[in-house]
Amino acid sequence: MASVTIRNLNDETHRALKMRAANHGRSTEAEIRAILEDAARPQDRLRLGTALHELGRRAGLTDDDIAALNEARDRKPAQPMDFE
């Protein structure tokens, strides 16, 4: 896992983080991780797999349709382009 160092964090912010962590019953480090996780990966973000699943269902695709598409798919490896 990655590690992050935050330099020049003012004392008031550090105290506020410690208080917030105590209110949530976790360490300051765990609180900072939670804050960063919420900021970087919000709950309402688009999840590609879920969006594609929903699109297929709205289009009326069934598991049998997907199986038929997989059966008909060309399984040969793609050939690299030749620029000469």
N, C-alpha and C. Protein backbone atom coordinates (compact mmCIF):
# COMPACT_ATOMS: atom_id res chain seq x y z
N MET A 1 0.83 -1.19 0.00
CA MET A 1 0.00 0.00 0.00
C MET A 1 0.86 1.24 0.00
N ALA A 2 0.33 2.28 -0.57
CA ALA A 2 1.04 3.54 -0.65
C ALA A 2 1.05 4.25 0.71
N SER A 3 1.99 5.13 0.83
CA SER A 3 2.12 5.90 2.06
C SER A 3 2.23 7.37 1.68
N VAL A 4 1.62 8.25 2.46
CA VAL A 4 1.63 9.68 2.17
C VAL A 4 2.10 10.43 3.41
N THR A 5 2.96 11.41 3.20
CA THR A 5 3.41 12.29 4.27
C THR A 5 2.84 13.68 4.01
N ILE A 6 2.24 14.28 5.01
CA ILE A 6 1.69 15.62 4.88
C ILE A 6 2.55 16.56 5.69
N ARG A 7 3.21 17.45 5.01
CA ARG A 7 4.08 18.42 5.69
C ARG A 7 3.34 19.74 5.90
N ASN A 8 3.78 20.47 6.88
CA ASN A 8 3.30 21.83 7.15
C ASN A 8 1.80 21.89 7.44
N LEU A 9 1.26 20.88 8.08
CA LEU A 9 -0.13 20.88 8.51
C LEU A 9 -0.21 21.74 9.76
N ASN A 10 -1.07 22.74 9.74
CA ASN A 10 -1.07 23.63 10.90
C ASN A 10 -1.68 22.93 12.12
N ASP A 11 -1.32 23.43 13.28
CA ASP A 11 -1.70 22.79 14.54
C ASP A 11 -3.22 22.73 14.73
N GLU A 12 -3.93 23.77 14.31
CA GLU A 12 -5.39 23.78 14.46
C GLU A 12 -6.04 22.67 13.64
N THR A 13 -5.56 22.48 12.44
CA THR A 13 -6.10 21.42 11.58
C THR A 13 -5.81 20.06 12.18
N HIS A 14 -4.61 19.89 12.71
CA HIS A 14 -4.25 18.61 13.33
C HIS A 14 -5.12 18.33 14.54
N ARG A 15 -5.35 19.33 15.36
CA ARG A 15 -6.22 19.16 16.53
C ARG A 15 -7.65 18.82 16.10
N ALA A 16 -8.13 19.50 15.05
CA ALA A 16 -9.49 19.24 14.55
C ALA A 16 -9.60 17.81 14.03
N LEU A 17 -8.56 17.33 13.36
CA LEU A 17 -8.56 15.95 12.88
C LEU A 17 -8.58 14.95 14.04
N LYS A 18 -7.80 15.26 15.08
CA LYS A 18 -7.77 14.38 16.25
C LYS A 18 -9.14 14.33 16.92
N MET A 19 -9.81 15.48 17.03
CA MET A 19 -11.14 15.53 17.64
C MET A 19 -12.16 14.78 16.79
N ARG A 20 -12.08 14.99 15.49
CA ARG A 20 -13.00 14.30 14.58
C ARG A 20 -12.80 12.78 14.68
N ALA A 21 -11.54 12.35 14.74
CA ALA A 21 -11.23 10.93 14.86
C ALA A 21 -11.80 10.37 16.17
N ALA A 22 -11.61 11.09 17.24
CA ALA A 22 -12.13 10.64 18.54
C ALA A 22 -13.65 10.52 18.51
N ASN A 23 -14.30 11.47 17.84
CA ASN A 23 -15.77 11.42 17.73
C ASN A 23 -16.24 10.20 16.94
N HIS A 24 -15.42 9.74 16.00
CA HIS A 24 -15.76 8.57 15.20
C HIS A 24 -15.17 7.28 15.77
N GLY A 25 -14.46 7.39 16.88
CA GLY A 25 -13.92 6.21 17.54
C GLY A 25 -12.80 5.53 16.78
N ARG A 26 -11.95 6.32 16.12
CA ARG A 26 -10.82 5.75 15.40
C ARG A 26 -9.59 6.63 15.55
N SER A 27 -8.47 6.12 15.11
CA SER A 27 -7.23 6.87 15.21
C SER A 27 -7.24 8.04 14.23
N THR A 28 -6.34 8.99 14.46
CA THR A 28 -6.23 10.13 13.56
C THR A 28 -5.86 9.64 12.16
N GLU A 29 -4.95 8.70 12.09
CA GLU A 29 -4.54 8.17 10.78
C GLU A 29 -5.72 7.51 10.06
N ALA A 30 -6.52 6.75 10.77
CA ALA A 30 -7.70 6.11 10.17
C ALA A 30 -8.71 7.15 9.72
N GLU A 31 -8.84 8.21 10.50
CA GLU A 31 -9.77 9.30 10.13
C GLU A 31 -9.32 9.98 8.85
N ILE A 32 -8.02 10.25 8.73
CA ILE A 32 -7.50 10.89 7.53
C ILE A 32 -7.70 9.97 6.32
N ARG A 33 -7.48 8.67 6.50
CA ARG A 33 -7.73 7.72 5.41
C ARG A 33 -9.19 7.77 4.97
N ALA A 34 -10.10 7.81 5.93
CA ALA A 34 -11.53 7.85 5.62
C ALA A 34 -11.90 9.12 4.86
N ILE A 35 -11.33 10.25 5.30
CA ILE A 35 -11.60 11.53 4.63
C ILE A 35 -11.10 11.48 3.19
N LEU A 36 -9.88 10.98 3.00
CA LEU A 36 -9.32 10.90 1.65
C LEU A 36 -10.11 9.94 0.77
N GLU A 37 -10.51 8.82 1.33
CA GLU A 37 -11.30 7.83 0.58
C GLU A 37 -12.63 8.44 0.13
N ASP A 38 -13.30 9.14 1.04
CA ASP A 38 -14.58 9.76 0.69
C ASP A 38 -14.41 10.84 -0.37
N ALA A 39 -13.32 11.59 -0.29
CA ALA A 39 -13.08 12.66 -1.26
C ALA A 39 -12.70 12.11 -2.63
N ALA A 40 -11.86 11.09 -2.64
CA ALA A 40 -11.35 10.57 -3.92
C ALA A 40 -12.29 9.58 -4.58
N ARG A 41 -13.09 8.86 -3.78
CA ARG A 41 -13.97 7.83 -4.33
C ARG A 41 -15.37 7.97 -3.73
N PRO A 42 -16.11 9.00 -4.15
CA PRO A 42 -17.44 9.23 -3.57
C PRO A 42 -18.39 8.07 -3.89
N GLN A 43 -19.37 7.87 -3.02
CA GLN A 43 -20.33 6.77 -3.17
C GLN A 43 -21.15 6.88 -4.45
N ASP A 44 -21.40 8.10 -4.93
CA ASP A 44 -22.26 8.27 -6.10
C ASP A 44 -21.49 8.26 -7.43
N ARG A 45 -20.23 7.81 -7.40
CA ARG A 45 -19.46 7.77 -8.64
C ARG A 45 -20.01 6.70 -9.57
N LEU A 46 -19.77 6.88 -10.85
CA LEU A 46 -20.22 5.91 -11.83
C LEU A 46 -19.35 4.67 -11.75
N ARG A 47 -19.96 3.53 -11.59
CA ARG A 47 -19.25 2.26 -11.58
C ARG A 47 -19.54 1.59 -12.91
N LEU A 48 -18.50 1.43 -13.72
CA LEU A 48 -18.66 0.98 -15.09
C LEU A 48 -19.37 -0.37 -15.20
N GLY A 49 -18.97 -1.34 -14.40
CA GLY A 49 -19.60 -2.65 -14.47
C GLY A 49 -21.09 -2.60 -14.16
N THR A 50 -21.45 -1.84 -13.15
CA THR A 50 -22.85 -1.69 -12.78
C THR A 50 -23.63 -0.98 -13.88
N ALA A 51 -23.03 0.06 -14.47
CA ALA A 51 -23.69 0.80 -15.55
C ALA A 51 -23.91 -0.09 -16.77
N LEU A 52 -22.92 -0.89 -17.13
CA LEU A 52 -23.07 -1.79 -18.28
C LEU A 52 -24.13 -2.86 -18.02
N HIS A 53 -24.14 -3.38 -16.80
CA HIS A 53 -25.15 -4.38 -16.43
C HIS A 53 -26.55 -3.79 -16.56
N GLU A 54 -26.73 -2.59 -16.04
CA GLU A 54 -28.04 -1.94 -16.10
C GLU A 54 -28.43 -1.65 -17.54
N LEU A 55 -27.49 -1.22 -18.35
CA LEU A 55 -27.76 -0.94 -19.77
C LEU A 55 -28.22 -2.20 -20.49
N GLY A 56 -27.54 -3.32 -20.23
CA GLY A 56 -27.94 -4.58 -20.84
C GLY A 56 -29.33 -5.01 -20.42
N ARG A 57 -29.64 -4.84 -19.15
CA ARG A 57 -30.97 -5.22 -18.65
C ARG A 57 -32.05 -4.33 -19.27
N ARG A 58 -31.78 -3.02 -19.37
CA ARG A 58 -32.76 -2.12 -19.98
C ARG A 58 -32.96 -2.43 -21.46
N ALA A 59 -31.91 -2.92 -22.11
CA ALA A 59 -32.01 -3.30 -23.52
C ALA A 59 -32.71 -4.64 -23.69
N GLY A 60 -32.95 -5.34 -22.60
CA GLY A 60 -33.66 -6.60 -22.64
C GLY A 60 -32.78 -7.81 -22.88
N LEU A 61 -31.45 -7.64 -22.73
CA LEU A 61 -30.55 -8.78 -22.92
C LEU A 61 -30.73 -9.78 -21.77
N THR A 62 -30.72 -11.05 -22.13
CA THR A 62 -30.81 -12.10 -21.13
C THR A 62 -29.47 -12.83 -21.06
N ASP A 63 -29.34 -13.72 -20.10
CA ASP A 63 -28.12 -14.52 -20.01
C ASP A 63 -27.93 -15.38 -21.26
N ASP A 64 -29.04 -15.83 -21.85
CA ASP A 64 -28.95 -16.61 -23.09
C ASP A 64 -28.40 -15.76 -24.24
N ASP A 65 -28.80 -14.48 -24.29
CA ASP A 65 -28.28 -13.58 -25.33
C ASP A 65 -26.77 -13.40 -25.18
N ILE A 66 -26.33 -13.22 -23.95
CA ILE A 66 -24.90 -13.04 -23.69
C ILE A 66 -24.14 -14.31 -24.06
N ALA A 67 -24.69 -15.46 -23.74
CA ALA A 67 -24.05 -16.73 -24.09
C ALA A 67 -23.94 -16.86 -25.60
N ALA A 68 -24.98 -16.47 -26.34
CA ALA A 68 -24.95 -16.54 -27.81
C ALA A 68 -23.90 -15.59 -28.37
N LEU A 69 -23.78 -14.40 -27.80
CA LEU A 69 -22.76 -13.44 -28.25
C LEU A 69 -21.35 -14.00 -28.01
N ASN A 70 -21.15 -14.60 -26.85
CA ASN A 70 -19.85 -15.19 -26.55
C ASN A 70 -19.53 -16.36 -27.48
N GLU A 71 -20.55 -17.11 -27.83
CA GLU A 71 -20.37 -18.26 -28.74
C GLU A 71 -19.96 -17.79 -30.14
N ALA A 72 -20.55 -16.68 -30.59
CA ALA A 72 -20.31 -16.19 -31.95
C ALA A 72 -19.02 -15.36 -32.05
N ARG A 73 -18.45 -15.00 -30.93
CA ARG A 73 -17.28 -14.12 -30.91
C ARG A 73 -16.08 -14.80 -31.58
N ASP A 74 -15.35 -14.03 -32.37
CA ASP A 74 -14.12 -14.52 -33.01
C ASP A 74 -13.04 -14.60 -31.94
N ARG A 75 -12.50 -15.78 -31.71
CA ARG A 75 -11.54 -15.97 -30.62
C ARG A 75 -10.09 -15.96 -31.09
N LYS A 76 -9.87 -15.68 -32.38
CA LYS A 76 -8.49 -15.61 -32.87
C LYS A 76 -7.83 -14.34 -32.33
N PRO A 77 -6.55 -14.41 -31.98
CA PRO A 77 -5.87 -13.21 -31.51
C PRO A 77 -5.81 -12.16 -32.61
N ALA A 78 -5.89 -10.92 -32.22
CA ALA A 78 -5.80 -9.82 -33.19
C ALA A 78 -4.40 -9.78 -33.78
N GLN A 79 -4.32 -9.43 -35.05
CA GLN A 79 -3.03 -9.30 -35.73
C GLN A 79 -2.54 -7.86 -35.58
N PRO A 80 -1.27 -7.67 -35.26
CA PRO A 80 -0.75 -6.31 -35.16
C PRO A 80 -0.78 -5.63 -36.52
N MET A 81 -0.94 -4.31 -36.50
CA MET A 81 -0.96 -3.55 -37.75
C MET A 81 0.42 -3.52 -38.37
N ASP A 82 0.44 -3.51 -39.68
CA ASP A 82 1.69 -3.44 -40.42
C ASP A 82 1.71 -2.09 -41.14
N PHE A 83 2.68 -1.26 -40.81
CA PHE A 83 2.75 0.08 -41.40
C PHE A 83 3.71 0.15 -42.57
N GLU A 84 4.17 -0.98 -43.04
CA GLU A 84 5.10 -0.96 -44.18
C GLU A 84 4.45 -1.37 -45.45
